[in-house]
Amino acid sequence: PDEVIERLAAAGLTGVEVDHPDHAP
């Protein structure tokens, strides 16, 4: 969920894997 990504960003996450073969457009 978006809120988990937000929490990880606050903890120091540098990036997110956006383009992946299993991700829909």
PDB file of all heavy atoms in Angstrom:
ATOM      1  N   PRO A   1       0.817  -1.222   0.000  1.00  0.00           N
ATOM      2  CA  PRO A   1       0.000   0.000   0.000  1.00  0.00           C
ATOM      3  C   PRO A   1       0.848   1.268   0.000  1.00  0.00           C
ATOM      4  O   PRO A   1       1.990   1.275   0.481  1.00  0.00           O
ATOM      5  CB  PRO A   1      -0.796  -0.117   1.314  1.00  0.00           C
ATOM      6  CG  PRO A   1      -0.738  -1.556   1.681  1.00  0.00           C
ATOM      7  CD  PRO A   1       0.588  -2.056   1.193  1.00  0.00           C
ATOM      8  N   ASP A   2       0.261   2.351  -0.514  1.00  0.00           N
ATOM      9  CA  ASP A   2       0.964   3.629  -0.561  1.00  0.00           C
ATOM     10  C   ASP A   2       1.425   4.066   0.819  1.00  0.00           C
ATOM     11  O   ASP A   2       2.538   4.604   0.975  1.00  0.00           O
ATOM     12  CB  ASP A   2       0.057   4.713  -1.153  1.00  0.00           C
ATOM     13  CG  ASP A   2      -0.151   4.552  -2.653  1.00  0.00           C
ATOM     14  OD1 ASP A   2       0.408   3.600  -3.233  1.00  0.00           O
ATOM     15  OD2 ASP A   2      -0.881   5.384  -3.233  1.00  0.00           O
ATOM     16  N   GLU A   3       0.589   3.845   1.841  1.00  0.00           N
ATOM     17  CA  GLU A   3       0.964   4.313   3.174  1.00  0.00           C
ATOM     18  C   GLU A   3       2.186   3.589   3.725  1.00  0.00           C
ATOM     19  O   GLU A   3       2.967   4.163   4.493  1.00  0.00           O
ATOM     20  CB  GLU A   3      -0.211   4.187   4.145  1.00  0.00           C
ATOM     21  CG  GLU A   3      -0.814   2.799   4.271  1.00  0.00           C
ATOM     22  CD  GLU A   3      -1.969   2.558   3.321  1.00  0.00           C
ATOM     23  OE1 GLU A   3      -2.029   3.231   2.261  1.00  0.00           O
ATOM     24  OE2 GLU A   3      -2.823   1.699   3.647  1.00  0.00           O
ATOM     25  N   VAL A   4       2.377   2.333   3.319  1.00  0.00           N
ATOM     26  CA  VAL A   4       3.580   1.606   3.737  1.00  0.00           C
ATOM     27  C   VAL A   4       4.806   2.189   3.047  1.00  0.00           C
ATOM     28  O   VAL A   4       5.866   2.367   3.664  1.00  0.00           O
ATOM     29  CB  VAL A   4       3.441   0.103   3.437  1.00  0.00           C
ATOM     30  CG1 VAL A   4       4.757  -0.629   3.677  1.00  0.00           C
ATOM     31  CG2 VAL A   4       2.336  -0.504   4.288  1.00  0.00           C
ATOM     32  N   ILE A   5       4.675   2.507   1.763  1.00  0.00           N
ATOM     33  CA  ILE A   5       5.791   3.127   1.036  1.00  0.00           C
ATOM     34  C   ILE A   5       6.133   4.477   1.662  1.00  0.00           C
ATOM     35  O   ILE A   5       7.311   4.833   1.802  1.00  0.00           O
ATOM     36  CB  ILE A   5       5.451   3.266  -0.452  1.00  0.00           C
ATOM     37  CG1 ILE A   5       5.175   1.878  -1.059  1.00  0.00           C
ATOM     38  CG2 ILE A   5       6.586   3.956  -1.203  1.00  0.00           C
ATOM     39  CD1 ILE A   5       4.733   1.895  -2.509  1.00  0.00           C
ATOM     40  N   GLU A   6       5.129   5.217   2.059  1.00  0.00           N
ATOM     41  CA  GLU A   6       5.369   6.501   2.728  1.00  0.00           C
ATOM     42  C   GLU A   6       6.136   6.311   4.041  1.00  0.00           C
ATOM     43  O   GLU A   6       7.048   7.080   4.362  1.00  0.00           O
ATOM     44  CB  GLU A   6       4.043   7.208   2.977  1.00  0.00           C
ATOM     45  CG  GLU A   6       3.359   7.684   1.699  1.00  0.00           C
ATOM     46  CD  GLU A   6       1.924   8.128   1.922  1.00  0.00           C
ATOM     47  OE1 GLU A   6       1.439   8.001   3.078  1.00  0.00           O
ATOM     48  OE2 GLU A   6       1.279   8.594   0.960  1.00  0.00           O
ATOM     49  N   ARG A   7       5.773   5.258   4.782  1.00  0.00           N
ATOM     50  CA  ARG A   7       6.458   4.992   6.048  1.00  0.00           C
ATOM     51  C   ARG A   7       7.915   4.583   5.806  1.00  0.00           C
ATOM     52  O   ARG A   7       8.820   4.995   6.545  1.00  0.00           O
ATOM     53  CB  ARG A   7       5.722   3.878   6.808  1.00  0.00           C
ATOM     54  CG  ARG A   7       6.294   3.577   8.191  1.00  0.00           C
ATOM     55  CD  ARG A   7       5.315   2.775   9.025  1.00  0.00           C
ATOM     56  NE  ARG A   7       5.125   1.416   8.524  1.00  0.00           N
ATOM     57  CZ  ARG A   7       5.823   0.359   8.950  1.00  0.00           C
ATOM     58  NH1 ARG A   7       6.754   0.518   9.873  1.00  0.00           N
ATOM     59  NH2 ARG A   7       5.596  -0.828   8.460  1.00  0.00           N
ATOM     60  N   LEU A   8       8.143   3.807   4.761  1.00  0.00           N
ATOM     61  CA  LEU A   8       9.499   3.406   4.427  1.00  0.00           C
ATOM     62  C   LEU A   8      10.337   4.605   3.975  1.00  0.00           C
ATOM     63  O   LEU A   8      11.522   4.713   4.307  1.00  0.00           O
ATOM     64  CB  LEU A   8       9.477   2.342   3.338  1.00  0.00           C
ATOM     65  CG  LEU A   8       8.874   0.995   3.742  1.00  0.00           C
ATOM     66  CD1 LEU A   8       8.723   0.099   2.517  1.00  0.00           C
ATOM     67  CD2 LEU A   8       9.740   0.311   4.784  1.00  0.00           C
ATOM     68  N   ALA A   9       9.707   5.513   3.219  1.00  0.00           N
ATOM     69  CA  ALA A   9      10.411   6.718   2.788  1.00  0.00           C
ATOM     70  C   ALA A   9      10.846   7.544   3.989  1.00  0.00           C
ATOM     71  O   ALA A   9      11.970   8.063   4.038  1.00  0.00           O
ATOM     72  CB  ALA A   9       9.528   7.538   1.855  1.00  0.00           C
ATOM     73  N   ALA A  10       9.969   7.646   4.987  1.00  0.00           N
ATOM     74  CA  ALA A  10      10.314   8.397   6.197  1.00  0.00           C
ATOM     75  C   ALA A  10      11.441   7.737   6.973  1.00  0.00           C
ATOM     76  O   ALA A  10      12.187   8.411   7.710  1.00  0.00           O
ATOM     77  CB  ALA A  10       9.074   8.533   7.084  1.00  0.00           C
ATOM     78  N   ALA A  11      11.595   6.404   6.807  1.00  0.00           N
ATOM     79  CA  ALA A  11      12.631   5.660   7.523  1.00  0.00           C
ATOM     80  C   ALA A  11      13.976   5.679   6.801  1.00  0.00           C
ATOM     81  O   ALA A  11      14.967   5.189   7.347  1.00  0.00           O
ATOM     82  CB  ALA A  11      12.188   4.218   7.729  1.00  0.00           C
ATOM     83  N   GLY A  12      14.013   6.227   5.577  1.00  0.00           N
ATOM     84  CA  GLY A  12      15.277   6.317   4.863  1.00  0.00           C
ATOM     85  C   GLY A  12      15.352   5.560   3.557  1.00  0.00           C
ATOM     86  O   GLY A  12      16.429   5.419   2.980  1.00  0.00           O
ATOM     87  N   LEU A  13      14.202   5.069   3.064  1.00  0.00           N
ATOM     88  CA  LEU A  13      14.174   4.408   1.765  1.00  0.00           C
ATOM     89  C   LEU A  13      14.703   5.354   0.690  1.00  0.00           C
ATOM     90  O   LEU A  13      14.361   6.532   0.665  1.00  0.00           O
ATOM     91  CB  LEU A  13      12.735   3.995   1.427  1.00  0.00           C
ATOM     92  CG  LEU A  13      12.524   3.168   0.156  1.00  0.00           C
ATOM     93  CD1 LEU A  13      13.078   1.763   0.330  1.00  0.00           C
ATOM     94  CD2 LEU A  13      11.042   3.116  -0.196  1.00  0.00           C
ATOM     95  N   THR A  14      15.545   4.823  -0.208  1.00  0.00           N
ATOM     96  CA  THR A  14      16.130   5.640  -1.264  1.00  0.00           C
ATOM     97  C   THR A  14      15.310   5.612  -2.544  1.00  0.00           C
ATOM     98  O   THR A  14      15.229   6.604  -3.261  1.00  0.00           O
ATOM     99  CB  THR A  14      17.565   5.170  -1.581  1.00  0.00           C
ATOM    100  OG1 THR A  14      18.343   5.169  -0.387  1.00  0.00           O
ATOM    101  CG2 THR A  14      18.232   6.093  -2.591  1.00  0.00           C
ATOM    102  N   GLY A  15      14.706   4.465  -2.847  1.00  0.00           N
ATOM    103  CA  GLY A  15      13.997   4.378  -4.115  1.00  0.00           C
ATOM    104  C   GLY A  15      12.947   3.303  -4.140  1.00  0.00           C
ATOM    105  O   GLY A  15      12.748   2.559  -3.173  1.00  0.00           O
ATOM    106  N   VAL A  16      12.256   3.205  -5.272  1.00  0.00           N
ATOM    107  CA  VAL A  16      11.211   2.201  -5.471  1.00  0.00           C
ATOM    108  C   VAL A  16      11.350   1.642  -6.882  1.00  0.00           C
ATOM    109  O   VAL A  16      11.617   2.382  -7.845  1.00  0.00           O
ATOM    110  CB  VAL A  16       9.801   2.798  -5.240  1.00  0.00           C
ATOM    111  CG1 VAL A  16       9.522   3.951  -6.186  1.00  0.00           C
ATOM    112  CG2 VAL A  16       8.737   1.722  -5.362  1.00  0.00           C
ATOM    113  N   GLU A  17      11.215   0.328  -7.005  1.00  0.00           N
ATOM    114  CA  GLU A  17      11.302  -0.343  -8.295  1.00  0.00           C
ATOM    115  C   GLU A  17       9.973  -0.135  -9.031  1.00  0.00           C
ATOM    116  O   GLU A  17       8.977  -0.783  -8.715  1.00  0.00           O
ATOM    117  CB  GLU A  17      11.581  -1.829  -8.060  1.00  0.00           C
ATOM    118  CG  GLU A  17      12.071  -2.584  -9.268  1.00  0.00           C
ATOM    119  CD  GLU A  17      12.488  -4.008  -8.909  1.00  0.00           C
ATOM    120  OE1 GLU A  17      11.682  -4.731  -8.289  1.00  0.00           O
ATOM    121  OE2 GLU A  17      13.620  -4.381  -9.248  1.00  0.00           O
ATOM    122  N   VAL A  18       9.983   0.744  -9.997  1.00  0.00           N
ATOM    123  CA  VAL A  18       8.766   1.105 -10.726  1.00  0.00           C
ATOM    124  C   VAL A  18       8.580   0.213 -11.943  1.00  0.00           C
ATOM    125  O   VAL A  18       7.508  -0.347 -12.172  1.00  0.00           O
ATOM    126  CB  VAL A  18       8.812   2.588 -11.136  1.00  0.00           C
ATOM    127  CG1 VAL A  18       7.655   2.918 -12.084  1.00  0.00           C
ATOM    128  CG2 VAL A  18       8.767   3.488  -9.903  1.00  0.00           C
ATOM    129  N   ASP A  19       9.627   0.092 -12.744  1.00  0.00           N
ATOM    130  CA  ASP A  19       9.547  -0.689 -13.984  1.00  0.00           C
ATOM    131  C   ASP A  19      10.037  -2.107 -13.720  1.00  0.00           C
ATOM    132  O   ASP A  19      11.236  -2.359 -13.528  1.00  0.00           O
ATOM    133  CB  ASP A  19      10.378  -0.019 -15.075  1.00  0.00           C
ATOM    134  CG  ASP A  19       9.796   1.329 -15.477  1.00  0.00           C
ATOM    135  OD1 ASP A  19       8.564   1.404 -15.664  1.00  0.00           O
ATOM    136  OD2 ASP A  19      10.557   2.300 -15.580  1.00  0.00           O
ATOM    137  N   HIS A  20       9.094  -3.033 -13.716  1.00  0.00           N
ATOM    138  CA  HIS A  20       9.357  -4.441 -13.421  1.00  0.00           C
ATOM    139  C   HIS A  20       8.471  -5.260 -14.345  1.00  0.00           C
ATOM    140  O   HIS A  20       7.335  -4.863 -14.637  1.00  0.00           O
ATOM    141  CB  HIS A  20       9.039  -4.729 -11.949  1.00  0.00           C
ATOM    142  CG  HIS A  20       9.343  -6.124 -11.503  1.00  0.00           C
ATOM    143  ND1 HIS A  20       8.514  -7.193 -11.778  1.00  0.00           N
ATOM    144  CD2 HIS A  20      10.386  -6.626 -10.790  1.00  0.00           C
ATOM    145  CE1 HIS A  20       9.039  -8.287 -11.264  1.00  0.00           C
ATOM    146  NE2 HIS A  20      10.164  -7.983 -10.673  1.00  0.00           N
ATOM    147  N   PRO A  21       8.919  -6.417 -14.823  1.00  0.00           N
ATOM    148  CA  PRO A  21       8.106  -7.203 -15.753  1.00  0.00           C
ATOM    149  C   PRO A  21       6.730  -7.576 -15.231  1.00  0.00           C
ATOM    150  O   PRO A  21       5.805  -7.789 -16.028  1.00  0.00           O
ATOM    151  CB  PRO A  21       8.959  -8.461 -15.981  1.00  0.00           C
ATOM    152  CG  PRO A  21      10.361  -7.996 -15.777  1.00  0.00           C
ATOM    153  CD  PRO A  21      10.278  -6.989 -14.660  1.00  0.00           C
ATOM    154  N   ASP A  22       6.558  -7.638 -13.907  1.00  0.00           N
ATOM    155  CA  ASP A  22       5.265  -8.011 -13.339  1.00  0.00           C
ATOM    156  C   ASP A  22       4.394  -6.816 -12.962  1.00  0.00           C
ATOM    157  O   ASP A  22       3.353  -6.994 -12.322  1.00  0.00           O
ATOM    158  CB  ASP A  22       5.472  -8.901 -12.102  1.00  0.00           C
ATOM    159  CG  ASP A  22       6.066 -10.252 -12.452  1.00  0.00           C
ATOM    160  OD1 ASP A  22       6.003 -10.635 -13.632  1.00  0.00           O
ATOM    161  OD2 ASP A  22       6.598 -10.923 -11.555  1.00  0.00           O
ATOM    162  N   HIS A  23       4.789  -5.610 -13.355  1.00  0.00           N
ATOM    163  CA  HIS A  23       4.001  -4.412 -13.066  1.00  0.00           C
ATOM    164  C   HIS A  23       3.177  -4.006 -14.281  1.00  0.00           C
ATOM    165  O   HIS A  23       3.717  -3.841 -15.382  1.00  0.00           O
ATOM    166  CB  HIS A  23       4.904  -3.242 -12.674  1.00  0.00           C
ATOM    167  CG  HIS A  23       5.436  -3.312 -11.282  1.00  0.00           C
ATOM    168  ND1 HIS A  23       6.311  -2.376 -10.772  1.00  0.00           N
ATOM    169  CD2 HIS A  23       5.204  -4.187 -10.280  1.00  0.00           C
ATOM    170  CE1 HIS A  23       6.602  -2.680  -9.514  1.00  0.00           C
ATOM    171  NE2 HIS A  23       5.943  -3.776  -9.201  1.00  0.00           N
ATOM    172  N   ALA A  24       1.892  -3.833 -14.081  1.00  0.00           N
ATOM    173  CA  ALA A  24       1.012  -3.360 -15.151  1.00  0.00           C
ATOM    174  C   ALA A  24       1.262  -1.875 -15.421  1.00  0.00           C
ATOM    175  O   ALA A  24       1.746  -1.149 -14.549  1.00  0.00           O
ATOM    176  CB  ALA A  24      -0.442  -3.586 -14.752  1.00  0.00           C
ATOM    177  N   PRO A  25       0.940  -1.399 -16.619  1.00  0.00           N
ATOM    178  CA  PRO A  25       1.182   0.009 -16.958  1.00  0.00           C
ATOM    179  C   PRO A  25       0.551   0.993 -15.975  1.00  0.00           C
ATOM    180  O   PRO A  25       1.192   1.989 -15.602  1.00  0.00           O
ATOM    181  CB  PRO A  25       0.569   0.151 -18.355  1.00  0.00           C
ATOM    182  CG  PRO A  25       0.696  -1.223 -18.947  1.00  0.00           C
ATOM    183  CD  PRO A  25       0.457  -2.163 -17.806  1.00  0.00           C
TER     184      PRO A  25
END
